[in-house]
Amino acid sequence: MGRWRVDAGPPRAGRHFPGSWVEFHDWFDTEAAARAYVEAVRFRDGYRCPSCAHDLTRRGERWWCSRCRRWVRLTAGTLFEHTRVPLRTWLMVLWEVTATKVGVSALSLQRIAGVT
């Protein structure tokens, strides 16, 4: 898994997010590593329901809220919610967009991610 830590303080490259392309591939070498990172960032203040802020109970790949009686998935309520693109690919695209100083074209992102 990655060498990242989700903790308080201002975000720093190499600690909260990858500082280079090589480091990105070290941290997110598998889809499971990408999911673990998104989970740690999303639930850094504890597993709380996005609807009612009640504690969640994990059941496999989902969490259950006993107050509002809803299932919550890792990507629920996020940019990634109804996509078929793997999280690792999304993180790759997001890293490329934020790491490039002059911007990146849609065609470049298509080539990098391998999706249309």
PDB file of N, CA and C in Angstrom:
ATOM      1  N   MET A   1       0.844  -1.183   0.000  1.00  0.00           N
ATOM      2  CA  MET A   1       0.000   0.000   0.000  1.00  0.00           C
ATOM      3  C   MET A   1       0.883   1.238   0.000  1.00  0.00           C
ATOM      4  N   GLY A   2       0.253   2.386  -0.043  1.00  0.00           N
ATOM      5  CA  GLY A   2       0.982   3.644  -0.158  1.00  0.00           C
ATOM      6  C   GLY A   2       1.627   4.092   1.135  1.00  0.00           C
ATOM      7  N   ARG A   3       2.420   5.115   1.010  1.00  0.00           N
ATOM      8  CA  ARG A   3       3.091   5.686   2.173  1.00  0.00           C
ATOM      9  C   ARG A   3       2.476   7.022   2.534  1.00  0.00           C
ATOM     10  N   TRP A   4       1.216   7.186   2.307  1.00  0.00           N
ATOM     11  CA  TRP A   4       0.523   8.429   2.569  1.00  0.00           C
ATOM     12  C   TRP A   4      -0.060   8.420   3.968  1.00  0.00           C
ATOM     13  N   ARG A   5      -0.296   9.623   4.473  1.00  0.00           N
ATOM     14  CA  ARG A   5      -0.953   9.779   5.762  1.00  0.00           C
ATOM     15  C   ARG A   5      -1.985  10.883   5.628  1.00  0.00           C
ATOM     16  N   VAL A   6      -3.177  10.601   6.056  1.00  0.00           N
ATOM     17  CA  VAL A   6      -4.226  11.610   6.067  1.00  0.00           C
ATOM     18  C   VAL A   6      -4.303  12.126   7.492  1.00  0.00           C
ATOM     19  N   ASP A   7      -3.758  13.303   7.696  1.00  0.00           N
ATOM     20  CA  ASP A   7      -3.751  13.887   9.037  1.00  0.00           C
ATOM     21  C   ASP A   7      -3.997  15.381   8.926  1.00  0.00           C
ATOM     22  N   ALA A   8      -3.985  16.037  10.057  1.00  0.00           N
ATOM     23  CA  ALA A   8      -4.233  17.477  10.100  1.00  0.00           C
ATOM     24  C   ALA A   8      -3.047  18.239   9.521  1.00  0.00           C
ATOM     25  N   GLY A   9      -3.296  19.480   9.269  1.00  0.00           N
ATOM     26  CA  GLY A   9      -2.243  20.338   8.750  1.00  0.00           C
ATOM     27  C   GLY A   9      -2.406  20.593   7.271  1.00  0.00           C
ATOM     28  N   PRO A  10      -1.627  21.519   6.765  1.00  0.00           N
ATOM     29  CA  PRO A  10      -1.732  21.832   5.337  1.00  0.00           C
ATOM     30  C   PRO A  10      -1.234  20.662   4.487  1.00  0.00           C
ATOM     31  N   PRO A  11      -1.857  20.439   3.331  1.00  0.00           N
ATOM     32  CA  PRO A  11      -1.432  19.338   2.463  1.00  0.00           C
ATOM     33  C   PRO A  11       0.005  19.527   1.993  1.00  0.00           C
ATOM     34  N   ARG A  12       0.773  18.444   2.037  1.00  0.00           N
ATOM     35  CA  ARG A  12       2.169  18.478   1.589  1.00  0.00           C
ATOM     36  C   ARG A  12       2.430  17.321   0.648  1.00  0.00           C
ATOM     37  N   ALA A  13       3.140  17.620  -0.431  1.00  0.00           N
ATOM     38  CA  ALA A  13       3.504  16.581  -1.394  1.00  0.00           C
ATOM     39  C   ALA A  13       4.380  15.549  -0.711  1.00  0.00           C
ATOM     40  N   GLY A  14       4.157  14.293  -1.030  1.00  0.00           N
ATOM     41  CA  GLY A  14       4.927  13.214  -0.442  1.00  0.00           C
ATOM     42  C   GLY A  14       4.364  12.709   0.868  1.00  0.00           C
ATOM     43  N   ARG A  15       3.436  13.451   1.438  1.00  0.00           N
ATOM     44  CA  ARG A  15       2.813  13.028   2.689  1.00  0.00           C
ATOM     45  C   ARG A  15       1.307  12.838   2.527  1.00  0.00           C
ATOM     46  N   HIS A  16       0.634  13.844   1.954  1.00  0.00           N
ATOM     47  CA  HIS A  16      -0.809  13.784   1.756  1.00  0.00           C
ATOM     48  C   HIS A  16      -1.191  13.421   0.323  1.00  0.00           C
ATOM     49  N   PHE A  17      -0.323  13.703  -0.607  1.00  0.00           N
ATOM     50  CA  PHE A  17      -0.554  13.374  -2.010  1.00  0.00           C
ATOM     51  C   PHE A  17       0.796  13.144  -2.676  1.00  0.00           C
ATOM     52  N   PRO A  18       0.839  12.416  -3.779  1.00  0.00           N
ATOM     53  CA  PRO A  18       2.119  12.120  -4.438  1.00  0.00           C
ATOM     54  C   PRO A  18       2.795  13.384  -4.948  1.00  0.00           C
ATOM     55  N   GLY A  19       4.097  13.425  -4.824  1.00  0.00           N
ATOM     56  CA  GLY A  19       4.852  14.587  -5.277  1.00  0.00           C
ATOM     57  C   GLY A  19       5.389  14.444  -6.686  1.00  0.00           C
ATOM     58  N   SER A  20       5.373  13.245  -7.223  1.00  0.00           N
ATOM     59  CA  SER A  20       5.877  13.016  -8.581  1.00  0.00           C
ATOM     60  C   SER A  20       5.103  11.876  -9.220  1.00  0.00           C
ATOM     61  N   TRP A  21       5.284  11.741 -10.528  1.00  0.00           N
ATOM     62  CA  TRP A  21       4.605  10.685 -11.269  1.00  0.00           C
ATOM     63  C   TRP A  21       5.055   9.303 -10.783  1.00  0.00           C
ATOM     64  N   VAL A  22       6.346   9.152 -10.493  1.00  0.00           N
ATOM     65  CA  VAL A  22       6.875   7.879  -9.986  1.00  0.00           C
ATOM     66  C   VAL A  22       6.262   7.565  -8.623  1.00  0.00           C
ATOM     67  N   GLU A  23       6.181   8.566  -7.774  1.00  0.00           N
ATOM     68  CA  GLU A  23       5.585   8.376  -6.455  1.00  0.00           C
ATOM     69  C   GLU A  23       4.093   8.027  -6.576  1.00  0.00           C
ATOM     70  N   PHE A  24       3.419   8.629  -7.546  1.00  0.00           N
ATOM     71  CA  PHE A  24       2.014   8.296  -7.780  1.00  0.00           C
ATOM     72  C   PHE A  24       1.861   6.802  -8.053  1.00  0.00           C
ATOM     73  N   HIS A  25       2.694   6.265  -8.935  1.00  0.00           N
ATOM     74  CA  HIS A  25       2.605   4.845  -9.274  1.00  0.00           C
ATOM     75  C   HIS A  25       3.025   3.940  -8.111  1.00  0.00           C
ATOM     76  N   ASP A  26       3.903   4.418  -7.241  1.00  0.00           N
ATOM     77  CA  ASP A  26       4.249   3.645  -6.047  1.00  0.00           C
ATOM     78  C   ASP A  26       3.076   3.590  -5.070  1.00  0.00           C
ATOM     79  N   TRP A  27       2.411   4.712  -4.880  1.00  0.00           N
ATOM     80  CA  TRP A  27       1.307   4.783  -3.933  1.00  0.00           C
ATOM     81  C   TRP A  27       0.080   4.029  -4.420  1.00  0.00           C
ATOM     82  N   PHE A  28      -0.250   4.195  -5.691  1.00  0.00           N
ATOM     83  CA  PHE A  28      -1.486   3.643  -6.232  1.00  0.00           C
ATOM     84  C   PHE A  28      -1.182   2.567  -7.261  1.00  0.00           C
ATOM     85  N   ASP A  29      -0.454   1.558  -6.858  1.00  0.00           N
ATOM     86  CA  ASP A  29      -0.085   0.475  -7.773  1.00  0.00           C
ATOM     87  C   ASP A  29      -1.241  -0.475  -8.054  1.00  0.00           C
ATOM     88  N   THR A  30      -2.266  -0.465  -7.215  1.00  0.00           N
ATOM     89  CA  THR A  30      -3.438  -1.320  -7.420  1.00  0.00           C
ATOM     90  C   THR A  30      -4.708  -0.506  -7.185  1.00  0.00           C
ATOM     91  N   GLU A  31      -5.808  -1.056  -7.632  1.00  0.00           N
ATOM     92  CA  GLU A  31      -7.112  -0.425  -7.393  1.00  0.00           C
ATOM     93  C   GLU A  31      -7.434  -0.423  -5.894  1.00  0.00           C
ATOM     94  N   ALA A  32      -7.014  -1.449  -5.178  1.00  0.00           N
ATOM     95  CA  ALA A  32      -7.249  -1.513  -3.724  1.00  0.00           C
ATOM     96  C   ALA A  32      -6.532  -0.381  -2.998  1.00  0.00           C
ATOM     97  N   ALA A  33      -5.331  -0.044  -3.445  1.00  0.00           N
ATOM     98  CA  ALA A  33      -4.586   1.064  -2.833  1.00  0.00           C
ATOM     99  C   ALA A  33      -5.299   2.390  -3.083  1.00  0.00           C
ATOM    100  N   ALA A  34      -5.837   2.572  -4.274  1.00  0.00           N
ATOM    101  CA  ALA A  34      -6.574   3.790  -4.595  1.00  0.00           C
ATOM    102  C   ALA A  34      -7.847   3.876  -3.754  1.00  0.00           C
ATOM    103  N   ARG A  35      -8.552   2.759  -3.600  1.00  0.00           N
ATOM    104  CA  ARG A  35      -9.762   2.743  -2.785  1.00  0.00           C
ATOM    105  C   ARG A  35      -9.443   3.045  -1.317  1.00  0.00           C
ATOM    106  N   ALA A  36      -8.336   2.491  -0.817  1.00  0.00           N
ATOM    107  CA  ALA A  36      -7.934   2.745   0.575  1.00  0.00           C
ATOM    108  C   ALA A  36      -7.625   4.224   0.788  1.00  0.00           C
ATOM    109  N   TYR A  37      -6.998   4.859  -0.190  1.00  0.00           N
ATOM    110  CA  TYR A  37      -6.672   6.282  -0.097  1.00  0.00           C
ATOM    111  C   TYR A  37      -7.946   7.128  -0.092  1.00  0.00           C
ATOM    112  N   VAL A  38      -8.858   6.852  -1.027  1.00  0.00           N
ATOM    113  CA  VAL A  38     -10.111   7.604  -1.092  1.00  0.00           C
ATOM    114  C   VAL A  38     -10.914   7.398   0.191  1.00  0.00           C
ATOM    115  N   GLU A  39     -10.920   6.188   0.719  1.00  0.00           N
ATOM    116  CA  GLU A  39     -11.624   5.912   1.978  1.00  0.00           C
ATOM    117  C   GLU A  39     -11.018   6.710   3.125  1.00  0.00           C
ATOM    118  N   ALA A  40      -9.698   6.746   3.210  1.00  0.00           N
ATOM    119  CA  ALA A  40      -9.031   7.478   4.294  1.00  0.00           C
ATOM    120  C   ALA A  40      -9.297   8.980   4.198  1.00  0.00           C
ATOM    121  N   VAL A  41      -9.318   9.516   2.989  1.00  0.00           N
ATOM    122  CA  VAL A  41      -9.581  10.944   2.810  1.00  0.00           C
ATOM    123  C   VAL A  41     -11.050  11.255   3.090  1.00  0.00           C
ATOM    124  N   ARG A  42     -11.925  10.433   2.564  1.00  0.00           N
ATOM    125  CA  ARG A  42     -13.363  10.693   2.717  1.00  0.00           C
ATOM    126  C   ARG A  42     -13.827  10.555   4.163  1.00  0.00           C
ATOM    127  N   PHE A  43     -13.320   9.575   4.877  1.00  0.00           N
ATOM    128  CA  PHE A  43     -13.766   9.308   6.243  1.00  0.00           C
ATOM    129  C   PHE A  43     -12.683   9.642   7.274  1.00  0.00           C
ATOM    130  N   ARG A  44     -11.909  10.678   7.022  1.00  0.00           N
ATOM    131  CA  ARG A  44     -10.820  11.028   7.953  1.00  0.00           C
ATOM    132  C   ARG A  44     -11.326  11.466   9.320  1.00  0.00           C
ATOM    133  N   ASP A  45     -12.577  11.924   9.402  1.00  0.00           N
ATOM    134  CA  ASP A  45     -13.150  12.329  10.682  1.00  0.00           C
ATOM    135  C   ASP A  45     -14.066  11.254  11.269  1.00  0.00           C
ATOM    136  N   GLY A  46     -13.972  10.041  10.749  1.00  0.00           N
ATOM    137  CA  GLY A  46     -14.794   8.944  11.217  1.00  0.00           C
ATOM    138  C   GLY A  46     -15.846   8.574  10.186  1.00  0.00           C
ATOM    139  N   TYR A  47     -16.396   7.407  10.338  1.00  0.00           N
ATOM    140  CA  TYR A  47     -17.392   6.900   9.396  1.00  0.00           C
ATOM    141  C   TYR A  47     -18.757   7.459   9.760  1.00  0.00           C
ATOM    142  N   ARG A  48     -19.137   8.524   9.071  1.00  0.00           N
ATOM    143  CA  ARG A  48     -20.406   9.213   9.315  1.00  0.00           C
ATOM    144  C   ARG A  48     -21.257   9.203   8.064  1.00  0.00           C
ATOM    145  N   CYS A  49     -22.559   9.100   8.250  1.00  0.00           N
ATOM    146  CA  CYS A  49     -23.500   9.115   7.140  1.00  0.00           C
ATOM    147  C   CYS A  49     -23.507  10.502   6.492  1.00  0.00           C
ATOM    148  N   PRO A  50     -23.411  10.576   5.160  1.00  0.00           N
ATOM    149  CA  PRO A  50     -23.448  11.889   4.510  1.00  0.00           C
ATOM    150  C   PRO A  50     -24.823  12.556   4.598  1.00  0.00           C
ATOM    151  N   SER A  51     -25.881  11.789   4.869  1.00  0.00           N
ATOM    152  CA  SER A  51     -27.226  12.358   4.955  1.00  0.00           C
ATOM    153  C   SER A  51     -27.560  12.882   6.349  1.00  0.00           C
ATOM    154  N   CYS A  52     -27.274  12.081   7.384  1.00  0.00           N
ATOM    155  CA  CYS A  52     -27.710  12.457   8.733  1.00  0.00           C
ATOM    156  C   CYS A  52     -26.567  12.574   9.745  1.00  0.00           C
ATOM    157  N   ALA A  53     -25.338  12.308   9.347  1.00  0.00           N
ATOM    158  CA  ALA A  53     -24.140  12.408  10.193  1.00  0.00           C
ATOM    159  C   ALA A  53     -24.116  11.393  11.329  1.00  0.00           C
ATOM    160  N   HIS A  54     -24.893  10.323  11.216  1.00  0.00           N
ATOM    161  CA  HIS A  54     -24.902   9.254  12.207  1.00  0.00           C
ATOM    162  C   HIS A  54     -23.744   8.297  11.910  1.00  0.00           C
ATOM    163  N   ASP A  55     -23.306   7.554  12.923  1.00  0.00           N
ATOM    164  CA  ASP A  55     -22.225   6.582  12.724  1.00  0.00           C
ATOM    165  C   ASP A  55     -22.636   5.492  11.746  1.00  0.00           C
ATOM    166  N   LEU A  56     -21.677   5.059  10.936  1.00  0.00           N
ATOM    167  CA  LEU A  56     -21.913   4.003   9.954  1.00  0.00           C
ATOM    168  C   LEU A  56     -21.298   2.697  10.416  1.00  0.00           C
ATOM    169  N   THR A  57     -21.892   1.591   9.993  1.00  0.00           N
ATOM    170  CA  THR A  57     -21.386   0.256  10.267  1.00  0.00           C
ATOM    171  C   THR A  57     -20.962  -0.362   8.949  1.00  0.00           C
ATOM    172  N   ARG A  58     -19.723  -0.844   8.898  1.00  0.00           N
ATOM    173  CA  ARG A  58     -19.219  -1.414   7.653  1.00  0.00           C
ATOM    174  C   ARG A  58     -19.737  -2.830   7.458  1.00  0.00           C
ATOM    175  N   ARG A  59     -20.162  -3.090   6.227  1.00  0.00           N
ATOM    176  CA  ARG A  59     -20.612  -4.428   5.841  1.00  0.00           C
ATOM    177  C   ARG A  59     -20.076  -4.706   4.443  1.00  0.00           C
ATOM    178  N   GLY A  60     -18.915  -5.285   4.384  1.00  0.00           N
ATOM    179  CA  GLY A  60     -18.274  -5.568   3.105  1.00  0.00           C
ATOM    180  C   GLY A  60     -17.759  -4.304   2.451  1.00  0.00           C
ATOM    181  N   GLU A  61     -18.210  -4.037   1.230  1.00  0.00           N
ATOM    182  CA  GLU A  61     -17.793  -2.855   0.479  1.00  0.00           C
ATOM    183  C   GLU A  61     -18.697  -1.651   0.726  1.00  0.00           C
ATOM    184  N   ARG A  62     -19.693  -1.798   1.603  1.00  0.00           N
ATOM    185  CA  ARG A  62     -20.641  -0.724   1.870  1.00  0.00           C
ATOM    186  C   ARG A  62     -20.719  -0.457   3.366  1.00  0.00           C
ATOM    187  N   TRP A  63     -21.358   0.669   3.709  1.00  0.00           N
ATOM    188  CA  TRP A  63     -21.607   1.029   5.099  1.00  0.00           C
ATOM    189  C   TRP A  63     -23.104   1.209   5.276  1.00  0.00           C
ATOM    190  N   TRP A  64     -23.598   0.861   6.470  1.00  0.00           N
ATOM    191  CA  TRP A  64     -25.023   0.943   6.772  1.00  0.00           C
ATOM    192  C   TRP A  64     -25.262   2.009   7.825  1.00  0.00           C
ATOM    193  N   CYS A  65     -26.238   2.881   7.559  1.00  0.00           N
ATOM    194  CA  CYS A  65     -26.659   3.884   8.540  1.00  0.00           C
ATOM    195  C   CYS A  65     -27.946   3.390   9.177  1.00  0.00           C
ATOM    196  N   SER A  66     -27.907   3.144  10.484  1.00  0.00           N
ATOM    197  CA  SER A  66     -29.086   2.610  11.160  1.00  0.00           C
ATOM    198  C   SER A  66     -30.128   3.699  11.438  1.00  0.00           C
ATOM    199  N   ARG A  67     -29.725   4.960  11.425  1.00  0.00           N
ATOM    200  CA  ARG A  67     -30.690   6.037  11.680  1.00  0.00           C
ATOM    201  C   ARG A  67     -31.571   6.298  10.455  1.00  0.00           C
ATOM    202  N   CYS A  68     -30.960   6.581   9.312  1.00  0.00           N
ATOM    203  CA  CYS A  68     -31.775   6.876   8.116  1.00  0.00           C
ATOM    204  C   CYS A  68     -31.978   5.643   7.235  1.00  0.00           C
ATOM    205  N   ARG A  69     -31.440   4.496   7.665  1.00  0.00           N
ATOM    206  CA  ARG A  69     -31.632   3.208   7.010  1.00  0.00           C
ATOM    207  C   ARG A  69     -31.229   3.256   5.532  1.00  0.00           C
ATOM    208  N   ARG A  70     -29.991   3.702   5.312  1.00  0.00           N
ATOM    209  CA  ARG A  70     -29.450   3.793   3.962  1.00  0.00           C
ATOM    210  C   ARG A  70     -28.119   3.081   3.879  1.00  0.00           C
ATOM    211  N   TRP A  71     -27.859   2.558   2.693  1.00  0.00           N
ATOM    212  CA  TRP A  71     -26.547   2.023   2.391  1.00  0.00           C
ATOM    213  C   TRP A  71     -25.695   3.145   1.825  1.00  0.00           C
ATOM    214  N   VAL A  72     -24.439   3.185   2.201  1.00  0.00           N
ATOM    215  CA  VAL A  72     -23.515   4.206   1.699  1.00  0.00           C
ATOM    216  C   VAL A  72     -22.330   3.488   1.069  1.00  0.00           C
ATOM    217  N   ARG A  73     -22.016   3.848  -0.146  1.00  0.00           N
ATOM    218  CA  ARG A  73     -20.839   3.319  -0.829  1.00  0.00           C
ATOM    219  C   ARG A  73     -19.718   4.336  -0.742  1.00  0.00           C
ATOM    220  N   LEU A  74     -18.525   3.883  -1.000  1.00  0.00           N
ATOM    221  CA  LEU A  74     -17.357   4.756  -0.912  1.00  0.00           C
ATOM    222  C   LEU A  74     -17.486   5.983  -1.809  1.00  0.00           C
ATOM    223  N   THR A  75     -18.052   5.822  -2.984  1.00  0.00           N
ATOM    224  CA  THR A  75     -18.118   6.921  -3.939  1.00  0.00           C
ATOM    225  C   THR A  75     -19.432   7.696  -3.894  1.00  0.00           C
ATOM    226  N   ALA A  76     -20.350   7.352  -3.000  1.00  0.00           N
ATOM    227  CA  ALA A  76     -21.651   8.018  -2.931  1.00  0.00           C
ATOM    228  C   ALA A  76     -21.486   9.502  -2.627  1.00  0.00           C
ATOM    229  N   GLY A  77     -22.153  10.324  -3.430  1.00  0.00           N
ATOM    230  CA  GLY A  77     -22.115  11.763  -3.222  1.00  0.00           C
ATOM    231  C   GLY A  77     -20.823  12.424  -3.683  1.00  0.00           C
ATOM    232  N   THR A  78     -20.036  11.728  -4.476  1.00  0.00           N
ATOM    233  CA  THR A  78     -18.778  12.284  -4.966  1.00  0.00           C
ATOM    234  C   THR A  78     -18.790  12.355  -6.487  1.00  0.00           C
ATOM    235  N   LEU A  79     -17.762  12.903  -7.038  1.00  0.00           N
ATOM    236  CA  LEU A  79     -17.566  12.977  -8.478  1.00  0.00           C
ATOM    237  C   LEU A  79     -17.524  11.592  -9.109  1.00  0.00           C
ATOM    238  N   PHE A  80     -17.116  10.596  -8.353  1.00  0.00           N
ATOM    239  CA  PHE A  80     -16.923   9.239  -8.865  1.00  0.00           C
ATOM    240  C   PHE A  80     -18.169   8.358  -8.769  1.00  0.00           C
ATOM    241  N   GLU A  81     -19.291   8.878  -8.332  1.00  0.00           N
ATOM    242  CA  GLU A  81     -20.435   8.045  -7.940  1.00  0.00           C
ATOM    243  C   GLU A  81     -20.970   7.112  -9.027  1.00  0.00           C
ATOM    244  N   HIS A  82     -21.316   7.581 -10.169  1.00  0.00           N
ATOM    245  CA  HIS A  82     -21.941   6.727 -11.176  1.00  0.00           C
ATOM    246  C   HIS A  82     -21.023   6.487 -12.369  1.00  0.00           C
ATOM    247  N   THR A  83     -19.764   6.273 -12.113  1.00  0.00           N
ATOM    248  CA  THR A  83     -18.817   6.064 -13.187  1.00  0.00           C
ATOM    249  C   THR A  83     -18.377   4.606 -13.233  1.00  0.00           C
ATOM    250  N   ARG A  84     -17.977   4.174 -14.400  1.00  0.00           N
ATOM    251  CA  ARG A  84     -17.436   2.823 -14.547  1.00  0.00           C
ATOM    252  C   ARG A  84     -15.918   2.847 -14.636  1.00  0.00           C
ATOM    253  N   VAL A  85     -15.360   4.030 -14.620  1.00  0.00           N
ATOM    254  CA  VAL A  85     -13.905   4.194 -14.672  1.00  0.00           C
ATOM    255  C   VAL A  85     -13.337   3.869 -13.295  1.00  0.00           C
ATOM    256  N   PRO A  86     -12.276   3.076 -13.210  1.00  0.00           N
ATOM    257  CA  PRO A  86     -11.691   2.725 -11.914  1.00  0.00           C
ATOM    258  C   PRO A  86     -11.180   3.955 -11.151  1.00  0.00           C
ATOM    259  N   LEU A  87     -11.200   3.878  -9.830  1.00  0.00           N
ATOM    260  CA  LEU A  87     -10.724   4.991  -9.003  1.00  0.00           C
ATOM    261  C   LEU A  87      -9.263   5.327  -9.275  1.00  0.00           C
ATOM    262  N   ARG A  88      -8.466   4.329  -9.527  1.00  0.00           N
ATOM    263  CA  ARG A  88      -7.050   4.574  -9.817  1.00  0.00           C
ATOM    264  C   ARG A  88      -6.895   5.461 -11.046  1.00  0.00           C
ATOM    265  N   THR A  89      -7.715   5.242 -12.063  1.00  0.00           N
ATOM    266  CA  THR A  89      -7.676   6.070 -13.262  1.00  0.00           C
ATOM    267  C   THR A  89      -8.140   7.488 -12.954  1.00  0.00           C
ATOM    268  N   TRP A  90      -9.197   7.628 -12.168  1.00  0.00           N
ATOM    269  CA  TRP A  90      -9.652   8.960 -11.762  1.00  0.00           C
ATOM    270  C   TRP A  90      -8.559   9.699 -10.997  1.00  0.00           C
ATOM    271  N   LEU A  91      -7.904   9.027 -10.070  1.00  0.00           N
ATOM    272  CA  LEU A  91      -6.839   9.682  -9.314  1.00  0.00           C
ATOM    273  C   LEU A  91      -5.691  10.096 -10.226  1.00  0.00           C
ATOM    274  N   MET A  92      -5.399   9.270 -11.228  1.00  0.00           N
ATOM    275  CA  MET A  92      -4.351   9.597 -12.196  1.00  0.00           C
ATOM    276  C   MET A  92      -4.712  10.871 -12.956  1.00  0.00           C
ATOM    277  N   VAL A  93      -5.943  10.966 -13.415  1.00  0.00           N
ATOM    278  CA  VAL A  93      -6.397  12.146 -14.152  1.00  0.00           C
ATOM    279  C   VAL A  93      -6.379  13.377 -13.250  1.00  0.00           C
ATOM    280  N   LEU A  94      -6.899  13.253 -12.035  1.00  0.00           N
ATOM    281  CA  LEU A  94      -6.923  14.386 -11.112  1.00  0.00           C
ATOM    282  C   LEU A  94      -5.520  14.850 -10.750  1.00  0.00           C
ATOM    283  N   TRP A  95      -4.602  13.911 -10.563  1.00  0.00           N
ATOM    284  CA  TRP A  95      -3.227  14.286 -10.249  1.00  0.00           C
ATOM    285  C   TRP A  95      -2.598  15.035 -11.420  1.00  0.00           C
ATOM    286  N   GLU A  96      -2.836  14.555 -12.619  1.00  0.00           N
ATOM    287  CA  GLU A  96      -2.271  15.199 -13.809  1.00  0.00           C
ATOM    288  C   GLU A  96      -2.814  16.623 -13.970  1.00  0.00           C
ATOM    289  N   VAL A  97      -4.107  16.803 -13.752  1.00  0.00           N
ATOM    290  CA  VAL A  97      -4.720  18.129 -13.878  1.00  0.00           C
ATOM    291  C   VAL A  97      -4.137  19.099 -12.846  1.00  0.00           C
ATOM    292  N   THR A  98      -3.967  18.646 -11.626  1.00  0.00           N
ATOM    293  CA  THR A  98      -3.480  19.545 -10.576  1.00  0.00           C
ATOM    294  C   THR A  98      -1.970  19.723 -10.591  1.00  0.00           C
ATOM    295  N   ALA A  99      -1.231  18.772 -11.138  1.00  0.00           N
ATOM    296  CA  ALA A  99       0.226  18.868 -11.137  1.00  0.00           C
ATOM    297  C   ALA A  99       0.768  19.687 -12.307  1.00  0.00           C
ATOM    298  N   THR A 100      -0.026  19.866 -13.357  1.00  0.00           N
ATOM    299  CA  THR A 100       0.417  20.600 -14.528  1.00  0.00           C
ATOM    300  C   THR A 100       0.186  22.087 -14.327  1.00  0.00           C
ATOM    301  N   LYS A 101       1.233  22.879 -14.510  1.00  0.00           N
ATOM    302  CA  LYS A 101       1.129  24.315 -14.272  1.00  0.00           C
ATOM    303  C   LYS A 101       0.407  25.057 -15.387  1.00  0.00           C
ATOM    304  N   VAL A 102       0.517  24.593 -16.611  1.00  0.00           N
ATOM    305  CA  VAL A 102      -0.062  25.317 -17.742  1.00  0.00           C
ATOM    306  C   VAL A 102      -1.378  24.733 -18.210  1.00  0.00           C
ATOM    307  N   GLY A 103      -1.874  23.706 -17.560  1.00  0.00           N
ATOM    308  CA  GLY A 103      -3.124  23.079 -17.952  1.00  0.00           C
ATOM    309  C   GLY A 103      -2.880  21.857 -18.804  1.00  0.00           C
ATOM    310  N   VAL A 104      -3.924  21.115 -19.023  1.00  0.00           N
ATOM    311  CA  VAL A 104      -3.823  19.896 -19.788  1.00  0.00           C
ATOM    312  C   VAL A 104      -5.071  19.776 -20.664  1.00  0.00           C
ATOM    313  N   SER A 105      -4.888  19.335 -21.877  1.00  0.00           N
ATOM    314  CA  SER A 105      -6.021  19.227 -22.798  1.00  0.00           C
ATOM    315  C   SER A 105      -6.807  17.946 -22.531  1.00  0.00           C
ATOM    316  N   ALA A 106      -8.040  17.945 -22.999  1.00  0.00           N
ATOM    317  CA  ALA A 106      -8.891  16.760 -22.854  1.00  0.00           C
ATOM    318  C   ALA A 106      -8.305  15.588 -23.631  1.00  0.00           C
ATOM    319  N   LEU A 107      -7.702  15.864 -24.784  1.00  0.00           N
ATOM    320  CA  LEU A 107      -7.099  14.799 -25.577  1.00  0.00           C
ATOM    321  C   LEU A 107      -5.906  14.174 -24.839  1.00  0.00           C
ATOM    322  N   SER A 108      -5.128  14.995 -24.143  1.00  0.00           N
ATOM    323  CA  SER A 108      -4.007  14.466 -23.346  1.00  0.00           C
ATOM    324  C   SER A 108      -4.514  13.584 -22.216  1.00  0.00           C
ATOM    325  N   LEU A 109      -5.583  14.017 -21.560  1.00  0.00           N
ATOM    326  CA  LEU A 109      -6.156  13.204 -20.480  1.00  0.00           C
ATOM    327  C   LEU A 109      -6.710  11.895 -21.025  1.00  0.00           C
ATOM    328  N   GLN A 110      -7.291  11.944 -22.203  1.00  0.00           N
ATOM    329  CA  GLN A 110      -7.800  10.719 -22.829  1.00  0.00           C
ATOM    330  C   GLN A 110      -6.670   9.751 -23.085  1.00  0.00           C
ATOM    331  N   ARG A 111      -5.542  10.242 -23.543  1.00  0.00           N
ATOM    332  CA  ARG A 111      -4.394   9.374 -23.802  1.00  0.00           C
ATOM    333  C   ARG A 111      -3.805   8.812 -22.512  1.00  0.00           C
ATOM    334  N   ILE A 112      -3.695   9.645 -21.490  1.00  0.00           N
ATOM    335  CA  ILE A 112      -3.120   9.226 -20.219  1.00  0.00           C
ATOM    336  C   ILE A 112      -3.990   8.149 -19.566  1.00  0.00           C
ATOM    337  N   ALA A 113      -5.295   8.396 -19.512  1.00  0.00           N
ATOM    338  CA  ALA A 113      -6.215   7.490 -18.832  1.00  0.00           C
ATOM    339  C   ALA A 113      -6.594   6.278 -19.664  1.00  0.00           C
ATOM    340  N   GLY A 114      -6.487   6.393 -20.960  1.00  0.00           N
ATOM    341  CA  GLY A 114      -6.869   5.281 -21.812  1.00  0.00           C
ATOM    342  C   GLY A 114      -8.361   5.084 -21.927  1.00  0.00           C
ATOM    343  N   VAL A 115      -9.130   6.158 -21.722  1.00  0.00           N
ATOM    344  CA  VAL A 115     -10.586   6.102 -21.845  1.00  0.00           C
ATOM    345  C   VAL A 115     -11.039   7.163 -22.843  1.00  0.00           C
ATOM    346  N   THR A 116     -12.263   7.023 -23.316  1.00  0.00           N
ATOM    347  CA  THR A 116     -12.815   8.018 -24.239  1.00  0.00           C
ATOM    348  C   THR A 116     -13.975   8.736 -23.607  1.00  0.00           C
TER     349      THR A 116
END
